[in-house]
Protein backbone atom coordinates (compact mmCIF):
# COMPACT_ATOMS: atom_id res chain seq x y z
CA MET A 1 0.00 0.00 0.00
CA ARG A 2 1.18 3.53 -0.74
CA ILE A 3 1.00 5.41 2.56
CA LEU A 4 1.83 9.00 3.43
CA ILE A 5 3.15 9.59 6.96
CA ILE A 6 2.76 13.22 8.00
CA GLY A 7 5.08 13.80 10.95
CA SER A 8 7.59 11.16 9.91
CA ALA A 9 10.54 12.60 11.85
CA GLY A 10 9.02 12.03 15.29
CA GLY A 11 9.40 8.97 17.47
CA ILE A 12 6.25 7.24 16.26
CA GLY A 13 6.98 8.16 12.66
CA ARG A 14 10.47 6.66 12.80
CA THR A 15 9.10 3.53 14.48
CA LEU A 16 6.53 3.08 11.72
CA ILE A 17 9.14 3.57 9.03
CA ALA A 18 11.28 0.83 10.53
CA GLY A 19 8.35 -1.50 11.09
CA MET A 20 6.30 -0.95 7.94
CA GLY A 21 8.85 0.12 5.34
CA GLU A 22 9.44 -3.35 3.89
CA ARG A 23 5.71 -4.07 3.44
CA HIS A 24 4.48 -0.71 2.17
CA ASP A 25 5.52 2.11 -0.14
CA LEU A 26 5.97 4.97 2.31
CA ARG A 27 5.97 8.65 1.42
CA LEU A 28 7.26 10.82 4.24
CA ILE A 29 6.90 14.45 5.19
CA ASP A 30 7.74 16.53 8.25
CA VAL A 31 8.58 20.13 9.04
CA VAL A 32 12.16 18.93 9.69
CA PRO A 33 14.24 16.32 7.82
CA THR A 34 13.41 12.70 8.63
CA PRO A 35 16.56 10.99 9.99
CA GLY A 36 18.09 8.49 7.60
CA ARG A 37 15.65 9.23 4.77
CA ALA A 38 17.02 11.55 2.14
CA ASP A 39 13.87 10.94 0.06
CA ALA A 40 11.56 12.41 2.72
CA LEU A 41 9.82 15.67 1.98
CA VAL A 42 10.31 18.70 4.20
CA GLY A 43 7.21 20.84 4.52
CA ASP A 44 4.68 22.25 6.96
CA ALA A 45 1.25 20.65 7.25
CA ASP A 46 -0.05 24.10 8.13
CA ASP A 47 0.32 24.92 4.41
CA TYR A 48 -2.56 23.45 2.42
CA ASP A 49 -0.78 23.33 -0.94
CA THR A 50 2.09 21.38 0.61
CA VAL A 51 -0.28 18.76 2.03
CA LEU A 52 -2.32 18.62 -1.18
CA GLU A 53 0.79 17.78 -3.19
CA ALA A 54 2.04 15.26 -0.63
CA CYS A 55 -1.30 13.39 -0.62
CA ALA A 56 -1.43 12.95 -4.40
CA GLY A 57 -1.46 9.31 -5.42
CA VAL A 58 -1.48 7.72 -1.97
CA GLU A 59 -4.04 5.24 -0.67
CA ALA A 60 -3.80 6.09 3.01
CA VAL A 61 -2.49 8.83 5.30
CA ILE A 62 -1.14 8.50 8.83
CA HIS A 63 -1.40 11.92 10.45
CA LEU A 64 1.06 12.28 13.33
CA VAL A 65 1.41 16.05 13.43
CA HIS A 66 2.38 17.47 16.82
CA VAL A 67 2.56 21.23 17.26
CA GLY A 68 4.20 22.49 20.44
CA GLY A 69 6.79 24.76 21.92
CA GLY A 70 5.05 28.06 21.33
CA ASP A 71 2.02 29.88 22.67
CA ALA A 72 -0.59 27.24 23.53
CA TRP A 73 -3.42 28.89 21.58
CA ASP A 74 -1.25 29.58 18.54
CA ASP A 75 -0.06 25.97 18.59
CA ALA A 76 -3.64 24.72 18.89
CA GLN A 77 -4.82 26.77 15.92
CA LYS A 78 -1.93 25.49 13.81
CA ALA A 79 -2.66 21.90 14.78
CA MET A 80 -6.32 22.27 13.86
CA ARG A 81 -5.51 23.91 10.53
CA SER A 82 -3.06 21.09 9.80
CA ALA A 83 -5.78 18.51 10.49
CA TYR A 84 -8.22 20.35 8.22
CA ASN A 85 -5.60 20.63 5.47
CA MET A 86 -4.96 16.90 5.67
CA TYR A 87 -8.62 15.85 5.51
CA GLU A 88 -9.43 18.26 2.70
CA ALA A 89 -6.36 17.19 0.71
CA CYS A 90 -7.43 13.57 1.16
CA ARG A 91 -10.90 14.41 -0.14
CA VAL A 92 -9.55 16.20 -3.19
CA ASN A 93 -7.01 13.44 -3.93
CA ARG A 94 -9.54 10.64 -3.29
CA VAL A 95 -7.42 9.07 -0.58
CA ARG A 96 -9.25 6.05 0.82
CA ARG A 97 -8.18 5.86 4.49
CA VAL A 98 -6.86 8.14 7.23
CA ALA A 99 -5.38 7.15 10.60
CA PHE A 100 -5.51 10.27 12.76
CA ALA A 101 -3.26 10.33 15.83
CA SER A 102 -5.49 11.37 18.70
CA ARG A 103 -4.73 10.77 22.38
CA ALA A 104 -6.11 8.60 25.16
CA GLY A 105 -6.14 11.78 27.24
CA VAL A 106 -9.43 12.83 25.65
CA LEU A 107 -10.78 10.76 28.57
CA PRO A 108 -8.63 12.36 31.29
CA ARG A 109 -8.24 11.32 34.89
CA SER A 110 -9.40 14.83 35.84
CA TYR A 111 -12.90 13.59 34.96
CA TYR A 112 -12.72 9.80 34.63
CA PRO A 113 -11.12 8.04 37.62
CA ARG A 114 -8.63 5.28 36.84
CA THR A 115 -10.88 2.85 38.68
CA ILE A 116 -13.17 2.60 35.64
CA GLN A 117 -12.44 1.22 32.20
CA ARG A 118 -12.26 3.69 29.33
CA THR A 119 -14.50 2.79 26.39
CA ALA A 120 -14.74 4.31 22.94
CA ASP A 121 -18.29 5.56 23.51
CA MET A 122 -17.42 7.73 26.54
CA LEU A 123 -17.84 11.46 26.08
CA PRO A 124 -14.48 13.24 25.62
CA LYS A 125 -13.69 15.75 28.36
CA PRO A 126 -10.66 17.70 27.05
CA ASP A 127 -8.81 19.49 29.83
CA SER A 128 -6.18 21.28 27.71
CA LEU A 129 -5.98 23.15 24.42
CA TYR A 130 -3.79 20.36 23.06
CA THR A 131 -6.46 17.77 23.86
CA ILE A 132 -9.11 19.97 22.27
CA THR A 133 -7.16 19.76 18.99
CA LYS A 134 -7.44 15.96 19.17
CA VAL A 135 -11.19 16.06 19.76
CA PHE A 136 -11.42 18.49 16.85
CA GLY A 137 -9.43 16.13 14.61
CA GLU A 138 -11.63 13.17 15.51
CA SER A 139 -14.80 15.20 14.90
CA LEU A 140 -13.50 16.53 11.61
CA GLY A 141 -12.72 12.96 10.61
CA TYR A 142 -16.28 11.92 11.34
CA MET A 143 -17.59 14.78 9.22
CA TYR A 144 -15.39 13.81 6.25
CA SER A 145 -16.43 10.20 6.70
CA ALA A 146 -20.14 10.98 6.87
CA ARG A 147 -20.21 13.59 4.11
CA HIS A 148 -17.50 12.41 1.73
CA GLY A 149 -17.04 8.69 2.38
CA LEU A 150 -13.47 8.98 3.67
CA GLU A 151 -12.54 6.01 5.84
CA VAL A 152 -11.19 7.31 9.16
CA VAL A 153 -9.68 5.71 12.26
CA GLY A 154 -9.02 7.94 15.26
CA VAL A 155 -6.13 6.35 17.14
CA ARG A 156 -6.17 7.44 20.79
CA ILE A 157 -2.51 6.95 21.62
CA GLY A 158 -1.47 6.45 25.22
CA ASN A 159 2.13 7.02 26.26
CA PHE A 160 4.80 6.22 23.66
CA LYS A 161 8.54 6.71 24.17
CA PRO A 162 11.27 5.92 21.64
CA ASP A 163 13.54 4.73 24.47
CA ARG A 164 10.95 2.42 26.11
CA ASP A 165 10.00 -0.59 24.06
CA ARG A 166 8.12 -2.61 26.68
CA PRO A 167 4.89 -1.41 28.34
CA GLU A 168 4.95 -0.93 32.11
CA ASP A 169 1.49 0.60 32.55
CA PRO A 170 -1.90 0.17 30.78
CA HIS A 171 -1.39 3.64 29.30
CA HIS A 172 1.83 2.60 27.51
CA LEU A 173 2.24 1.66 23.85
CA SER A 174 5.19 -0.56 22.89
CA HIS A 175 7.12 -0.16 19.66
CA GLY A 176 5.88 -3.42 18.19
CA ASP A 177 2.27 -2.72 19.09
CA CYS A 178 2.62 0.78 17.63
CA VAL A 179 3.43 -0.75 14.26
CA ARG A 180 0.66 -3.35 14.57
CA LEU A 181 -1.81 -0.63 15.57
CA PHE A 182 -1.21 1.82 12.73
CA GLU A 183 -0.83 -0.89 10.12
CA ALA A 184 -4.21 -2.30 11.15
CA ALA A 185 -5.69 1.21 11.15
CA VAL A 186 -4.85 1.76 7.48
CA THR A 187 -5.29 -1.77 6.09
CA HIS A 188 -8.22 -3.41 7.91
CA PRO A 189 -11.19 -3.82 5.54
CA ASN A 190 -14.74 -2.56 5.97
CA VAL A 191 -14.01 0.45 8.15
CA GLN A 192 -15.96 3.69 7.83
CA PHE A 193 -15.31 5.63 11.05
CA GLU A 194 -13.84 4.17 14.21
CA VAL A 195 -12.08 5.35 17.35
CA VAL A 196 -9.68 2.91 19.01
CA PHE A 197 -7.25 3.03 21.91
CA GLY A 198 -3.57 3.05 21.04
CA VAL A 199 -2.14 1.17 23.98
CA SER A 200 -0.59 -2.23 24.61
CA ASP A 201 -2.33 -4.99 26.53
CA SER A 202 -2.27 -5.08 30.34
CA ASP A 203 -3.50 -7.16 33.24
CA TRP A 204 -5.04 -3.87 34.43
CA PRO A 205 -7.86 -3.40 31.86
CA LEU A 206 -7.93 0.39 31.97
CA TYR A 207 -8.83 0.57 28.28
CA ASP A 208 -11.32 -1.44 26.24
CA LEU A 209 -9.03 -3.21 23.78
CA ASP A 210 -11.70 -5.63 22.60
CA HIS A 211 -13.25 -2.77 20.63
CA GLY A 212 -9.98 -2.26 18.71
CA ARG A 213 -9.79 -5.98 17.98
CA ARG A 214 -13.30 -5.95 16.54
CA ALA A 215 -13.15 -2.58 14.79
CA ILE A 216 -9.78 -2.69 13.02
CA GLY A 217 -8.21 -6.05 13.89
CA TYR A 218 -5.66 -4.58 16.31
CA PHE A 219 -4.34 -7.39 18.49
CA PRO A 220 -1.65 -6.06 20.84
CA GLN A 221 1.05 -8.60 21.63
CA ASP A 222 2.95 -6.80 24.39
CA ARG A 223 1.50 -6.74 27.89
CA SER A 224 2.18 -4.86 31.10
CA SER A 225 1.74 -6.32 34.56
CA VAL A 226 0.72 -3.89 37.29
CA PRO A 227 0.39 -4.86 40.98
CA GLU A 228 -3.03 -4.24 42.52
CA SER A 229 -1.45 -1.82 44.98
CA GLU A 230 -0.36 0.48 42.14
CA ARG A 231 -3.68 0.62 40.28
CA GLN A 232 -4.77 4.14 41.10
């Protein structure tokens, strides 16, 4: 499959390149050069024409854009424009599938205690401007799915670190499961709009992973073990 990764220079982007590069034809773009890939494009997703050109001829897009480091409201506006640019460019280019990197934090502990399992049908309660951009991206994806037939998977990523491969908490996503997750998100058949949790398995079932198995065929293979005394 020909897949565009927007945000390819980040930790998740580099992990997907290493894990999916031999099975798929990857096109890469980021605002900075992607390490080890001289063929990667350098461009800003905040510019519509740049995204429109990058999306031409691809079957799926993995949108990993993270905007940070500046004024929180300015960053949020840029992130939301980047999401709009991506969805609109996909519509114009007739891209079939989008995997949008959201965050598990749309169901924050400030509202939902960690004593209850998070499910995909819970109402998002964003408690930061950054999280609002993720809710916006999911909602925009639903609109493009409902109105234009774009297939969209909102991937609510937990905690991913390039230097931590094994999960130690139900909120963690391992490197191997990251690849399995996003590959399933762009290849699984018969998807219209879905939201799934981007975490590894755990003996503390904080997230409903059965939904991801049913919706996109995501079967995490790495598992954390958390003592009962630490489940709070």
